[in-house]
Amino acid sequence: MSNGINFSNMFNCCYKLNAIKALENWNVSNGTNFSGMFSNCTLLNDIKSLENWNVSKGINFSRMFN
């Protein structure tokens, strides 16, 4: 994931993300487009460590959690 740039709609229509235990270990520091990444995800309470993501190069976060 360290070379990923466009994460738009990555988890679109994923209703349960609790099986993804290690999102906090993902390197998304090069990501720029996160628009709609979690669109239509109804259960986000299991993503405990998004606060550890380095998204300092992020440009587009529009509707990320829409």
PDB file of N, CA and C in Angstrom:
ATOM      1  N   MET A   1       0.810  -1.200   0.000  1.00  0.00           N
ATOM      2  CA  MET A   1       0.000   0.000   0.000  1.00  0.00           C
ATOM      3  C   MET A   1       0.849   1.259   0.000  1.00  0.00           C
ATOM      4  N   SER A   2       2.134   1.130   0.270  1.00  0.00           N
ATOM      5  CA  SER A   2       2.961   2.321   0.423  1.00  0.00           C
ATOM      6  C   SER A   2       3.069   3.144  -0.852  1.00  0.00           C
ATOM      7  N   ASN A   3       2.843   2.532  -2.011  1.00  0.00           N
ATOM      8  CA  ASN A   3       2.901   3.271  -3.262  1.00  0.00           C
ATOM      9  C   ASN A   3       1.527   3.697  -3.760  1.00  0.00           C
ATOM     10  N   GLY A   4       0.494   3.332  -3.016  1.00  0.00           N
ATOM     11  CA  GLY A   4      -0.864   3.676  -3.430  1.00  0.00           C
ATOM     12  C   GLY A   4      -1.101   5.166  -3.380  1.00  0.00           C
ATOM     13  N   ILE A   5      -1.804   5.681  -4.367  1.00  0.00           N
ATOM     14  CA  ILE A   5      -2.115   7.108  -4.437  1.00  0.00           C
ATOM     15  C   ILE A   5      -3.615   7.344  -4.372  1.00  0.00           C
ATOM     16  N   ASN A   6      -4.362   6.561  -5.128  1.00  0.00           N
ATOM     17  CA  ASN A   6      -5.802   6.774  -5.231  1.00  0.00           C
ATOM     18  C   ASN A   6      -6.556   5.685  -4.481  1.00  0.00           C
ATOM     19  N   PHE A   7      -7.174   6.063  -3.366  1.00  0.00           N
ATOM     20  CA  PHE A   7      -7.931   5.119  -2.550  1.00  0.00           C
ATOM     21  C   PHE A   7      -9.432   5.382  -2.633  1.00  0.00           C
ATOM     22  N   SER A   8      -9.843   6.150  -3.629  1.00  0.00           N
ATOM     23  CA  SER A   8     -11.258   6.525  -3.721  1.00  0.00           C
ATOM     24  C   SER A   8     -12.141   5.296  -3.898  1.00  0.00           C
ATOM     25  N   ASN A   9     -13.213   5.270  -3.148  1.00  0.00           N
ATOM     26  CA  ASN A   9     -14.211   4.183  -3.197  1.00  0.00           C
ATOM     27  C   ASN A   9     -13.637   2.809  -2.889  1.00  0.00           C
ATOM     28  N   MET A  10     -12.541   2.767  -2.145  1.00  0.00           N
ATOM     29  CA  MET A  10     -11.867   1.494  -1.878  1.00  0.00           C
ATOM     30  C   MET A  10     -12.771   0.499  -1.150  1.00  0.00           C
ATOM     31  N   PHE A  11     -13.494   0.969  -0.152  1.00  0.00           N
ATOM     32  CA  PHE A  11     -14.360   0.093   0.629  1.00  0.00           C
ATOM     33  C   PHE A  11     -15.829   0.368   0.339  1.00  0.00           C
ATOM     34  N   ASN A  12     -16.125   0.844  -0.852  1.00  0.00           N
ATOM     35  CA  ASN A  12     -17.492   1.205  -1.212  1.00  0.00           C
ATOM     36  C   ASN A  12     -18.429   0.017  -1.011  1.00  0.00           C
ATOM     37  N   CYS A  13     -19.512   0.269  -0.288  1.00  0.00           N
ATOM     38  CA  CYS A  13     -20.554  -0.739  -0.018  1.00  0.00           C
ATOM     39  C   CYS A  13     -20.060  -1.912   0.825  1.00  0.00           C
ATOM     40  N   CYS A  14     -19.002  -1.719   1.597  1.00  0.00           N
ATOM     41  CA  CYS A  14     -18.602  -2.736   2.580  1.00  0.00           C
ATOM     42  C   CYS A  14     -19.390  -2.452   3.857  1.00  0.00           C
ATOM     43  N   TYR A  15     -20.265  -3.371   4.218  1.00  0.00           N
ATOM     44  CA  TYR A  15     -21.124  -3.106   5.359  1.00  0.00           C
ATOM     45  C   TYR A  15     -20.498  -3.520   6.687  1.00  0.00           C
ATOM     46  N   LYS A  16     -19.552  -4.433   6.644  1.00  0.00           N
ATOM     47  CA  LYS A  16     -18.863  -4.853   7.864  1.00  0.00           C
ATOM     48  C   LYS A  16     -17.370  -4.860   7.600  1.00  0.00           C
ATOM     49  N   LEU A  17     -16.659  -4.023   8.338  1.00  0.00           N
ATOM     50  CA  LEU A  17     -15.213  -3.928   8.180  1.00  0.00           C
ATOM     51  C   LEU A  17     -14.473  -4.511   9.373  1.00  0.00           C
ATOM     52  N   ASN A  18     -15.190  -5.193  10.258  1.00  0.00           N
ATOM     53  CA  ASN A  18     -14.566  -5.703  11.471  1.00  0.00           C
ATOM     54  C   ASN A  18     -13.547  -6.791  11.197  1.00  0.00           C
ATOM     55  N   ALA A  19     -13.546  -7.384   9.998  1.00  0.00           N
ATOM     56  CA  ALA A  19     -12.566  -8.418   9.680  1.00  0.00           C
ATOM     57  C   ALA A  19     -11.215  -7.825   9.291  1.00  0.00           C
ATOM     58  N   ILE A  20     -11.189  -6.534   9.037  1.00  0.00           N
ATOM     59  CA  ILE A  20      -9.929  -5.872   8.688  1.00  0.00           C
ATOM     60  C   ILE A  20      -9.316  -5.353   9.976  1.00  0.00           C
ATOM     61  N   LYS A  21      -8.511  -6.178  10.611  1.00  0.00           N
ATOM     62  CA  LYS A  21      -8.011  -5.886  11.951  1.00  0.00           C
ATOM     63  C   LYS A  21      -6.821  -4.940  11.964  1.00  0.00           C
ATOM     64  N   ALA A  22      -6.100  -4.835  10.854  1.00  0.00           N
ATOM     65  CA  ALA A  22      -4.806  -4.153  10.910  1.00  0.00           C
ATOM     66  C   ALA A  22      -4.738  -2.914  10.028  1.00  0.00           C
ATOM     67  N   LEU A  23      -5.830  -2.175   9.905  1.00  0.00           N
ATOM     68  CA  LEU A  23      -5.773  -0.962   9.104  1.00  0.00           C
ATOM     69  C   LEU A  23      -4.739   0.015   9.649  1.00  0.00           C
ATOM     70  N   GLU A  24      -4.494  -0.036  10.956  1.00  0.00           N
ATOM     71  CA  GLU A  24      -3.539   0.895  11.552  1.00  0.00           C
ATOM     72  C   GLU A  24      -2.109   0.665  11.072  1.00  0.00           C
ATOM     73  N   ASN A  25      -1.843  -0.501  10.481  1.00  0.00           N
ATOM     74  CA  ASN A  25      -0.500  -0.795   9.988  1.00  0.00           C
ATOM     75  C   ASN A  25      -0.299  -0.407   8.534  1.00  0.00           C
ATOM     76  N   TRP A  26      -1.350   0.051   7.877  1.00  0.00           N
ATOM     77  CA  TRP A  26      -1.230   0.414   6.471  1.00  0.00           C
ATOM     78  C   TRP A  26      -0.451   1.707   6.320  1.00  0.00           C
ATOM     79  N   ASN A  27       0.425   1.744   5.340  1.00  0.00           N
ATOM     80  CA  ASN A  27       1.151   2.963   5.011  1.00  0.00           C
ATOM     81  C   ASN A  27       0.413   3.651   3.877  1.00  0.00           C
ATOM     82  N   VAL A  28      -0.315   4.685   4.212  1.00  0.00           N
ATOM     83  CA  VAL A  28      -1.057   5.434   3.203  1.00  0.00           C
ATOM     84  C   VAL A  28      -0.488   6.843   3.090  1.00  0.00           C
ATOM     85  N   SER A  29       0.796   6.985   3.441  1.00  0.00           N
ATOM     86  CA  SER A  29       1.410   8.309   3.472  1.00  0.00           C
ATOM     87  C   SER A  29       1.515   8.949   2.097  1.00  0.00           C
ATOM     88  N   ASN A  30       1.501   8.156   1.039  1.00  0.00           N
ATOM     89  CA  ASN A  30       1.553   8.715  -0.315  1.00  0.00           C
ATOM     90  C   ASN A  30       0.181   8.927  -0.920  1.00  0.00           C
ATOM     91  N   GLY A  31      -0.857   8.519  -0.209  1.00  0.00           N
ATOM     92  CA  GLY A  31      -2.206   8.653  -0.741  1.00  0.00           C
ATOM     93  C   GLY A  31      -2.625  10.100  -0.900  1.00  0.00           C
ATOM     94  N   THR A  32      -3.304  10.414  -1.992  1.00  0.00           N
ATOM     95  CA  THR A  32      -3.794  11.767  -2.206  1.00  0.00           C
ATOM     96  C   THR A  32      -5.311  11.820  -2.344  1.00  0.00           C
ATOM     97  N   ASN A  33      -5.911  10.782  -2.899  1.00  0.00           N
ATOM     98  CA  ASN A  33      -7.354  10.803  -3.130  1.00  0.00           C
ATOM     99  C   ASN A  33      -8.039   9.737  -2.277  1.00  0.00           C
ATOM    100  N   PHE A  34      -8.724  10.185  -1.234  1.00  0.00           N
ATOM    101  CA  PHE A  34      -9.448   9.281  -0.346  1.00  0.00           C
ATOM    102  C   PHE A  34     -10.955   9.482  -0.464  1.00  0.00           C
ATOM    103  N   SER A  35     -11.386  10.147  -1.528  1.00  0.00           N
ATOM    104  CA  SER A  35     -12.806  10.485  -1.669  1.00  0.00           C
ATOM    105  C   SER A  35     -13.659   9.226  -1.744  1.00  0.00           C
ATOM    106  N   GLY A  36     -14.701   9.193  -0.958  1.00  0.00           N
ATOM    107  CA  GLY A  36     -15.624   8.063  -0.969  1.00  0.00           C
ATOM    108  C   GLY A  36     -15.030   6.751  -0.517  1.00  0.00           C
ATOM    109  N   MET A  37     -13.897   6.799   0.179  1.00  0.00           N
ATOM    110  CA  MET A  37     -13.188   5.563   0.526  1.00  0.00           C
ATOM    111  C   MET A  37     -14.060   4.597   1.316  1.00  0.00           C
ATOM    112  N   PHE A  38     -14.802   5.112   2.275  1.00  0.00           N
ATOM    113  CA  PHE A  38     -15.653   4.268   3.103  1.00  0.00           C
ATOM    114  C   PHE A  38     -17.134   4.508   2.798  1.00  0.00           C
ATOM    115  N   SER A  39     -17.425   4.903   1.581  1.00  0.00           N
ATOM    116  CA  SER A  39     -18.796   5.203   1.203  1.00  0.00           C
ATOM    117  C   SER A  39     -19.717   4.008   1.440  1.00  0.00           C
ATOM    118  N   ASN A  40     -20.850   4.283   2.056  1.00  0.00           N
ATOM    119  CA  ASN A  40     -21.874   3.271   2.333  1.00  0.00           C
ATOM    120  C   ASN A  40     -21.445   2.203   3.330  1.00  0.00           C
ATOM    121  N   CYS A  41     -20.357   2.427   4.056  1.00  0.00           N
ATOM    122  CA  CYS A  41     -19.978   1.500   5.127  1.00  0.00           C
ATOM    123  C   CYS A  41     -20.804   1.859   6.354  1.00  0.00           C
ATOM    124  N   THR A  42     -21.660   0.955   6.766  1.00  0.00           N
ATOM    125  CA  THR A  42     -22.558   1.275   7.868  1.00  0.00           C
ATOM    126  C   THR A  42     -21.954   0.979   9.233  1.00  0.00           C
ATOM    127  N   LEU A  43     -20.957   0.109   9.303  1.00  0.00           N
ATOM    128  CA  LEU A  43     -20.337  -0.227  10.583  1.00  0.00           C
ATOM    129  C   LEU A  43     -18.871   0.151  10.551  1.00  0.00           C
ATOM    130  N   LEU A  44     -18.558   1.331  11.078  1.00  0.00           N
ATOM    131  CA  LEU A  44     -17.171   1.788  11.132  1.00  0.00           C
ATOM    132  C   LEU A  44     -16.598   1.696  12.539  1.00  0.00           C
ATOM    133  N   ASN A  45     -17.394   1.226  13.497  1.00  0.00           N
ATOM    134  CA  ASN A  45     -16.958   1.217  14.890  1.00  0.00           C
ATOM    135  C   ASN A  45     -15.811   0.256  15.144  1.00  0.00           C
ATOM    136  N   ASP A  46     -15.534  -0.652  14.212  1.00  0.00           N
ATOM    137  CA  ASP A  46     -14.453  -1.603  14.425  1.00  0.00           C
ATOM    138  C   ASP A  46     -13.120  -1.115  13.880  1.00  0.00           C
ATOM    139  N   ILE A  47     -13.102   0.031  13.237  1.00  0.00           N
ATOM    140  CA  ILE A  47     -11.843   0.593  12.745  1.00  0.00           C
ATOM    141  C   ILE A  47     -11.278   1.463  13.851  1.00  0.00           C
ATOM    142  N   LYS A  48     -10.464   0.867  14.704  1.00  0.00           N
ATOM    143  CA  LYS A  48     -10.006   1.527  15.919  1.00  0.00           C
ATOM    144  C   LYS A  48      -8.839   2.474  15.690  1.00  0.00           C
ATOM    145  N   SER A  49      -8.052   2.258  14.643  1.00  0.00           N
ATOM    146  CA  SER A  49      -6.771   2.946  14.566  1.00  0.00           C
ATOM    147  C   SER A  49      -6.585   3.819  13.343  1.00  0.00           C
ATOM    148  N   LEU A  50      -7.643   4.334  12.790  1.00  0.00           N
ATOM    149  CA  LEU A  50      -7.477   5.251  11.666  1.00  0.00           C
ATOM    150  C   LEU A  50      -6.706   6.497  12.084  1.00  0.00           C
ATOM    151  N   GLU A  51      -6.739   6.826  13.376  1.00  0.00           N
ATOM    152  CA  GLU A  51      -6.039   8.022  13.838  1.00  0.00           C
ATOM    153  C   GLU A  51      -4.521   7.906  13.679  1.00  0.00           C
ATOM    154  N   ASN A  52      -4.019   6.699  13.467  1.00  0.00           N
ATOM    155  CA  ASN A  52      -2.585   6.507  13.287  1.00  0.00           C
ATOM    156  C   ASN A  52      -2.140   6.609  11.837  1.00  0.00           C
ATOM    157  N   TRP A  53      -3.091   6.735  10.927  1.00  0.00           N
ATOM    158  CA  TRP A  53      -2.732   6.825   9.517  1.00  0.00           C
ATOM    159  C   TRP A  53      -2.022   8.139   9.236  1.00  0.00           C
ATOM    160  N   ASN A  54      -0.968   8.056   8.426  1.00  0.00           N
ATOM    161  CA  ASN A  54      -0.288   9.255   7.948  1.00  0.00           C
ATOM    162  C   ASN A  54      -0.888   9.613   6.598  1.00  0.00           C
ATOM    163  N   VAL A  55      -1.752  10.600   6.600  1.00  0.00           N
ATOM    164  CA  VAL A  55      -2.390  11.042   5.358  1.00  0.00           C
ATOM    165  C   VAL A  55      -1.999  12.482   5.075  1.00  0.00           C
ATOM    166  N   SER A  56      -0.757  12.818   5.444  1.00  0.00           N
ATOM    167  CA  SER A  56      -0.296  14.199   5.331  1.00  0.00           C
ATOM    168  C   SER A  56      -0.260  14.697   3.894  1.00  0.00           C
ATOM    169  N   LYS A  57      -0.175  13.810   2.930  1.00  0.00           N
ATOM    170  CA  LYS A  57      -0.173  14.219   1.531  1.00  0.00           C
ATOM    171  C   LYS A  57      -1.575  14.191   0.929  1.00  0.00           C
ATOM    172  N   GLY A  58      -2.550  13.864   1.743  1.00  0.00           N
ATOM    173  CA  GLY A  58      -3.921  13.777   1.263  1.00  0.00           C
ATOM    174  C   GLY A  58      -4.417  15.094   0.704  1.00  0.00           C
ATOM    175  N   ILE A  59      -5.096  15.036  -0.409  1.00  0.00           N
ATOM    176  CA  ILE A  59      -5.649  16.226  -1.049  1.00  0.00           C
ATOM    177  C   ILE A  59      -7.168  16.168  -1.066  1.00  0.00           C
ATOM    178  N   ASN A  60      -7.705  15.030  -1.467  1.00  0.00           N
ATOM    179  CA  ASN A  60      -9.165  14.917  -1.621  1.00  0.00           C
ATOM    180  C   ASN A  60      -9.714  13.912  -0.620  1.00  0.00           C
ATOM    181  N   PHE A  61     -10.410  14.427   0.390  1.00  0.00           N
ATOM    182  CA  PHE A  61     -11.065  13.576   1.377  1.00  0.00           C
ATOM    183  C   PHE A  61     -12.591  13.699   1.287  1.00  0.00           C
ATOM    184  N   SER A  62     -13.071  14.300   0.206  1.00  0.00           N
ATOM    185  CA  SER A  62     -14.502  14.564   0.101  1.00  0.00           C
ATOM    186  C   SER A  62     -15.312  13.269   0.189  1.00  0.00           C
ATOM    187  N   ARG A  63     -16.322  13.274   1.016  1.00  0.00           N
ATOM    188  CA  ARG A  63     -17.230  12.143   1.217  1.00  0.00           C
ATOM    189  C   ARG A  63     -16.501  10.870   1.643  1.00  0.00           C
ATOM    190  N   MET A  64     -15.400  11.013   2.336  1.00  0.00           N
ATOM    191  CA  MET A  64     -14.614   9.840   2.730  1.00  0.00           C
ATOM    192  C   MET A  64     -15.446   8.837   3.510  1.00  0.00           C
ATOM    193  N   PHE A  65     -16.276   9.330   4.426  1.00  0.00           N
ATOM    194  CA  PHE A  65     -17.111   8.449   5.250  1.00  0.00           C
ATOM    195  C   PHE A  65     -18.578   8.562   4.873  1.00  0.00           C
ATOM    196  N   ASN A  66     -18.864   8.990   3.680  1.00  0.00           N
ATOM    197  CA  ASN A  66     -20.238   9.194   3.239  1.00  0.00           C
ATOM    198  C   ASN A  66     -21.012   7.871   3.236  1.00  0.00           C
TER     199      ASN A  66
END
